[in-house]
Amino acid sequence: MRFFVTSSRLPAALLLSGAGAPRASEVSRASAWASSSSLATAKVSLCSATAPLRKDVRKNDRGDARRLTFEERAERRTGKTRDQRESREQLVQEAHLMVSDDFPEELEAIYAKAAEKANISVMKVLNMAKCLELLDVEVAGGHTVLLIKVAQVVKTGNSTIEITPNSASFGNAILQRVSRFDSTLQVSKEGTKIRVVMPPITTARRDKTVAEVNNLVSVFRQRVKQSRTKAVKVLQDAGLDDGVQRELAAVIDSTASAFVEEKVAELELLAEEVMSMGVDESDVATGR
């Protein structure tokens, strides 16, 4: 009778010996060989696996050791979760936007108010007729339009201006608006026309106008300083990293300084024009 051996954990020499039953010593040797072979295989398998680095194993992990994910390593490195990092990045972006866009816009708004007042003061001396043309006049229905849209303004002499409304219905509104604009003007209604008599342009009046412009410059500087302080306070309260905060604060300082230097020069130029342009009282006296 033949025996077919399909698989066995015994050594080949023992299987081919033809013996009917293995001796005890042979079985013992075969068992020891199988054990040593399994142990060697296990060692090879263990050595072939990549051992996780100590720094990549989550602390207090009671399960099997594993490698940390990218997000987990970033969290451990920065001390912040992904949501916290995204929130911080968004905060930094908003801070940059405030410094690059919002702050300059606020400075422009501050200057616009100062420039408007300065221009009015100067134009009262240099070109009163132009000032009157640009006055806002309230018409029927509560609408507000420029005076030049509803009347003709003509300078008829060195100290006189004549206003002719496009419609008689605008007469009273124009009369009241011009009277409120400057108390030094003598405003009267002659038929359908409005006559305006201006005070003479004296050196004292020019000096007064220059003083007004200089005062506006001081107010402008102060308001820019307040805006700068407010912007820096916003950065401080935002909880930004010290380096980012210092960088953005430096940008605010340089922006404010450059803006003030540029706009103050423009306002001072207006003050110089007051002293060098326009009709003087001496011109009126000589009939020029």
Protein backbone atom coordinates (compact mmCIF):
# COMPACT_ATOMS: atom_id res chain seq x y z
CA MET A 1 0.00 0.00 0.00
CA ARG A 2 1.29 3.46 -0.91
CA PHE A 3 0.98 6.52 1.21
CA PHE A 4 0.74 10.03 -0.41
CA VAL A 5 2.03 12.83 1.74
CA THR A 6 0.44 16.16 0.84
CA SER A 7 1.98 18.31 3.54
CA SER A 8 3.94 17.86 6.70
CA ARG A 9 5.91 19.90 9.18
CA LEU A 10 8.42 16.96 9.64
CA PRO A 11 11.84 16.94 7.95
CA ALA A 12 12.03 15.34 4.52
CA ALA A 13 14.55 12.71 5.71
CA LEU A 14 12.07 11.40 8.19
CA LEU A 15 9.23 11.26 5.66
CA LEU A 16 11.29 9.36 3.11
CA SER A 17 12.67 6.79 5.58
CA GLY A 18 9.75 4.46 4.89
CA ALA A 19 9.33 3.71 8.60
CA GLY A 20 5.82 2.91 9.68
CA ALA A 21 5.98 4.99 12.87
CA PRO A 22 8.61 7.58 13.86
CA ARG A 23 10.62 7.05 16.96
CA ALA A 24 10.19 9.37 19.94
CA SER A 25 13.62 10.97 19.49
CA GLU A 26 12.86 11.80 15.89
CA VAL A 27 9.53 13.35 16.76
CA SER A 28 11.24 15.45 19.40
CA ARG A 29 13.83 16.72 16.92
CA ALA A 30 11.14 17.51 14.34
CA SER A 31 9.11 19.46 16.85
CA ALA A 32 12.14 21.48 17.90
CA TRP A 33 12.96 22.24 14.25
CA ALA A 34 9.42 23.44 13.57
CA SER A 35 9.49 25.72 16.61
CA SER A 36 12.82 27.26 15.68
CA SER A 37 11.63 27.78 12.09
CA SER A 38 8.46 29.58 13.22
CA LEU A 39 10.46 31.77 15.58
CA ALA A 40 12.89 32.75 12.84
CA THR A 41 10.01 33.59 10.50
CA ALA A 42 8.41 35.76 13.17
CA LYS A 43 11.70 37.60 13.76
CA VAL A 44 12.10 38.31 10.06
CA SER A 45 8.54 39.61 9.82
CA LEU A 46 9.04 41.83 12.85
CA CYS A 47 12.32 43.24 11.59
CA SER A 48 10.85 44.00 8.17
CA ALA A 49 8.12 46.26 9.65
CA THR A 50 9.00 49.94 10.08
CA ALA A 51 9.13 50.72 13.75
CA PRO A 52 7.16 53.88 14.60
CA LEU A 53 9.29 56.74 15.82
CA ARG A 54 8.78 57.69 19.45
CA LYS A 55 7.95 61.30 18.54
CA ASP A 56 5.28 60.10 16.09
CA VAL A 57 3.37 58.03 18.63
CA ARG A 58 0.57 59.83 20.40
CA LYS A 59 1.23 60.18 24.10
CA ASN A 60 -0.96 58.14 26.45
CA ASP A 61 -2.12 55.99 23.51
CA ARG A 62 -3.38 52.77 25.13
CA GLY A 63 -3.89 51.02 21.78
CA ASP A 64 -1.35 49.69 19.30
CA ALA A 65 1.49 52.05 18.46
CA ARG A 66 0.80 53.92 15.20
CA ARG A 67 2.21 56.77 13.16
CA LEU A 68 0.56 60.16 13.60
CA THR A 69 -1.23 61.74 10.67
CA PHE A 70 -0.02 64.98 9.14
CA GLU A 71 -2.76 66.92 10.93
CA GLU A 72 -1.86 65.34 14.27
CA ARG A 73 1.82 66.17 13.84
CA ALA A 74 0.91 69.78 12.92
CA GLU A 75 -1.36 69.97 15.95
CA ARG A 76 1.40 68.75 18.26
CA ARG A 77 3.97 71.09 16.66
CA THR A 78 1.85 74.25 16.89
CA GLY A 79 -0.29 73.42 19.87
CA LYS A 80 -3.41 74.28 17.82
CA THR A 81 -6.09 72.19 16.15
CA ARG A 82 -6.86 72.55 12.45
CA ASP A 83 -9.88 74.74 13.17
CA GLN A 84 -7.78 76.93 15.46
CA ARG A 85 -5.06 77.29 12.82
CA GLU A 86 -7.60 78.18 10.13
CA SER A 87 -9.21 80.70 12.46
CA ARG A 88 -5.82 82.24 13.24
CA GLU A 89 -4.92 82.42 9.52
CA GLN A 90 -8.23 84.12 8.76
CA LEU A 91 -7.61 86.57 11.59
CA VAL A 92 -4.19 87.46 10.17
CA GLN A 93 -5.71 87.98 6.72
CA GLU A 94 -8.36 90.30 8.15
CA ALA A 95 -5.68 92.24 10.02
CA HIS A 96 -3.69 92.71 6.80
CA LEU A 97 -6.87 93.87 5.05
CA MET A 98 -7.56 96.38 7.80
CA VAL A 99 -4.04 97.80 7.54
CA SER A 100 -3.88 97.90 3.73
CA ASP A 101 -7.46 99.03 2.94
CA ASP A 102 -9.58 100.14 5.89
CA PHE A 103 -6.97 102.32 7.60
CA PRO A 104 -6.01 104.31 4.45
CA GLU A 105 -9.72 104.79 3.66
CA GLU A 106 -10.29 106.22 7.11
CA LEU A 107 -7.37 108.60 6.65
CA GLU A 108 -8.82 109.77 3.34
CA ALA A 109 -12.17 110.45 5.01
CA ILE A 110 -10.44 112.50 7.72
CA TYR A 111 -8.58 114.54 5.12
CA ALA A 112 -11.70 115.07 2.99
CA LYS A 113 -13.42 116.89 5.85
CA ALA A 114 -10.38 119.04 6.61
CA ALA A 115 -9.81 119.85 2.93
CA GLU A 116 -13.44 120.83 2.39
CA LYS A 117 -13.38 123.31 5.26
CA ALA A 118 -9.99 124.68 4.20
CA ASN A 119 -11.11 125.16 0.61
CA ILE A 120 -14.23 127.03 1.68
CA SER A 121 -12.21 129.37 3.89
CA VAL A 122 -9.74 130.05 1.10
CA MET A 123 -12.36 130.46 -1.63
CA LYS A 124 -14.21 133.04 0.43
CA VAL A 125 -11.16 135.22 -0.05
CA LEU A 126 -10.05 134.19 -3.51
CA ASN A 127 -13.33 133.49 -5.30
CA MET A 128 -16.56 134.08 -3.38
CA ALA A 129 -18.68 133.67 -6.52
CA LYS A 130 -17.38 130.11 -6.94
CA CYS A 131 -18.19 129.39 -3.31
CA LEU A 132 -21.77 130.50 -3.82
CA GLU A 133 -22.14 128.38 -6.95
CA LEU A 134 -21.23 125.26 -4.98
CA LEU A 135 -23.67 125.84 -2.13
CA ASP A 136 -26.35 123.21 -1.53
CA VAL A 137 -29.86 124.61 -1.91
CA GLU A 138 -33.00 122.79 -0.79
CA VAL A 139 -35.77 122.89 -3.39
CA ALA A 140 -39.35 121.61 -3.52
CA GLY A 141 -39.83 118.04 -2.41
CA GLY A 142 -36.92 118.19 0.02
CA HIS A 143 -34.34 117.64 -2.70
CA THR A 144 -30.93 119.32 -2.46
CA VAL A 145 -29.08 120.63 -5.51
CA LEU A 146 -26.11 122.88 -6.20
CA LEU A 147 -26.99 126.55 -6.45
CA ILE A 148 -25.42 126.70 -9.91
CA LYS A 149 -28.07 124.22 -11.10
CA VAL A 150 -30.96 126.57 -10.23
CA ALA A 151 -29.41 130.04 -10.73
CA GLN A 152 -26.82 132.11 -12.59
CA VAL A 153 -24.02 133.63 -10.47
CA VAL A 154 -22.16 136.64 -11.89
CA LYS A 155 -19.55 138.85 -10.26
CA THR A 156 -20.56 142.39 -11.20
CA GLY A 157 -17.77 144.24 -9.36
CA ASN A 158 -14.81 143.80 -7.03
CA SER A 159 -17.18 143.48 -4.07
CA THR A 160 -20.57 142.63 -5.62
CA ILE A 161 -22.18 139.44 -6.93
CA GLU A 162 -25.54 139.07 -8.66
CA ILE A 163 -27.58 135.85 -8.49
CA THR A 164 -30.43 135.26 -10.95
CA PRO A 165 -32.66 132.24 -10.13
CA ASN A 166 -33.80 130.10 -13.07
CA SER A 167 -37.27 130.20 -11.55
CA ALA A 168 -38.87 132.69 -9.18
CA SER A 169 -39.80 129.77 -6.92
CA PHE A 170 -36.12 129.30 -6.04
CA GLY A 171 -35.62 132.93 -4.94
CA ASN A 172 -36.39 132.66 -1.22
CA ALA A 173 -34.51 129.38 -0.79
CA ILE A 174 -31.39 130.88 -2.41
CA LEU A 175 -31.66 134.08 -0.36
CA GLN A 176 -31.82 132.15 2.91
CA ARG A 177 -29.01 129.78 1.98
CA VAL A 178 -26.58 132.56 0.98
CA SER A 179 -27.39 134.54 4.13
CA ARG A 180 -26.62 131.50 6.34
CA PHE A 181 -23.39 130.73 4.48
CA ASP A 182 -21.46 133.81 5.62
CA SER A 183 -22.68 136.42 8.06
CA THR A 184 -20.23 138.99 6.65
CA LEU A 185 -22.14 139.08 3.34
CA GLN A 186 -24.84 141.71 2.77
CA VAL A 187 -27.61 139.85 0.96
CA SER A 188 -30.70 141.57 -0.47
CA LYS A 189 -33.40 140.80 -3.01
CA GLU A 190 -33.94 143.22 -5.88
CA GLY A 191 -36.90 142.10 -7.95
CA THR A 192 -36.21 138.58 -9.14
CA LYS A 193 -32.46 138.92 -8.56
CA ILE A 194 -30.40 138.56 -5.40
CA ARG A 195 -27.60 141.04 -4.75
CA VAL A 196 -24.60 140.12 -2.61
CA VAL A 197 -22.10 142.65 -1.27
CA MET A 198 -18.81 141.19 -0.01
CA PRO A 199 -16.56 142.77 2.64
CA PRO A 200 -13.24 144.11 1.34
CA ILE A 201 -10.29 141.72 1.24
CA THR A 202 -7.91 143.12 3.81
CA THR A 203 -4.59 141.86 5.08
CA ALA A 204 -6.25 141.16 8.41
CA ARG A 205 -8.85 138.99 6.69
CA ARG A 206 -6.16 137.08 4.82
CA ASP A 207 -4.29 136.50 8.08
CA LYS A 208 -7.49 135.25 9.68
CA THR A 209 -8.04 132.79 6.85
CA VAL A 210 -4.46 131.50 7.11
CA ALA A 211 -5.00 130.99 10.84
CA GLU A 212 -8.16 128.99 10.07
CA VAL A 213 -6.25 126.75 7.67
CA ASN A 214 -3.43 126.24 10.17
CA ASN A 215 -5.97 125.28 12.81
CA LEU A 216 -7.47 122.75 10.40
CA VAL A 217 -3.99 121.31 9.87
CA SER A 218 -3.60 120.83 13.63
CA VAL A 219 -7.01 119.17 13.88
CA PHE A 220 -6.15 116.96 10.92
CA ARG A 221 -2.89 115.82 12.53
CA GLN A 222 -4.67 115.05 15.80
CA ARG A 223 -7.41 113.01 14.15
CA VAL A 224 -4.90 110.99 12.15
CA LYS A 225 -3.02 110.29 15.38
CA GLN A 226 -6.24 109.13 17.03
CA SER A 227 -7.03 106.90 14.06
CA ARG A 228 -3.53 105.41 14.21
CA THR A 229 -3.89 104.68 17.94
CA LYS A 230 -7.27 103.07 17.34
CA ALA A 231 -5.91 100.85 14.55
CA VAL A 232 -2.98 99.65 16.69
CA LYS A 233 -5.40 98.93 19.55
CA VAL A 234 -7.43 96.74 17.20
CA LEU A 235 -4.29 94.73 16.39
CA GLN A 236 -3.47 94.34 20.08
CA ASP A 237 -6.97 93.16 20.96
CA ALA A 238 -6.99 90.67 18.08
CA GLY A 239 -4.51 88.42 19.87
CA LEU A 240 -2.09 88.21 16.97
CA ASP A 241 1.40 86.79 17.32
CA ASP A 242 3.88 89.40 18.53
CA GLY A 243 5.85 89.32 15.28
CA VAL A 244 2.78 89.84 13.10
CA GLN A 245 1.50 92.56 15.39
CA ARG A 246 4.79 94.49 15.29
CA GLU A 247 4.99 94.16 11.50
CA LEU A 248 1.46 95.50 10.94
CA ALA A 249 1.89 98.27 13.51
CA ALA A 250 5.00 99.41 11.63
CA VAL A 251 2.98 99.53 8.40
CA ILE A 252 0.32 101.64 10.13
CA ASP A 253 2.96 104.08 11.39
CA SER A 254 4.61 104.48 7.99
CA THR A 255 1.24 104.86 6.23
CA ALA A 256 0.06 107.53 8.66
CA SER A 257 3.35 109.45 8.54
CA ALA A 258 3.50 109.51 4.73
CA PHE A 259 -0.17 110.49 4.47
CA VAL A 260 0.13 113.36 6.94
CA GLU A 261 3.26 114.69 5.26
CA GLU A 262 1.59 114.71 1.84
CA LYS A 263 -1.76 116.21 2.88
CA VAL A 264 -0.35 118.83 5.23
CA ALA A 265 1.75 120.11 2.32
CA GLU A 266 -1.44 120.50 0.26
CA LEU A 267 -3.21 122.42 3.02
CA GLU A 268 -0.22 124.67 3.60
CA LEU A 269 -0.17 125.44 -0.13
CA LEU A 270 -3.75 126.72 0.20
CA ALA A 271 -2.64 129.01 3.00
CA GLU A 272 0.14 130.39 0.82
CA GLU A 273 -2.32 131.08 -2.00
CA VAL A 274 -4.49 133.13 0.35
CA MET A 275 -1.60 135.52 0.95
CA SER A 276 -0.55 135.81 -2.71
CA MET A 277 -3.72 135.69 -4.82
CA GLY A 278 -7.03 137.52 -5.12
CA VAL A 279 -8.15 141.15 -5.16
CA ASP A 280 -6.77 143.26 -2.30
CA GLU A 281 -8.30 146.32 -0.64
CA SER A 282 -5.66 148.41 -2.37
CA ASP A 283 -6.97 147.18 -5.73
CA VAL A 284 -10.49 148.21 -4.75
CA ALA A 285 -9.29 151.65 -3.63
CA THR A 286 -7.56 152.31 -6.95
CA GLY A 287 -10.47 150.98 -8.97
CA ARG A 288 -8.56 148.05 -10.48
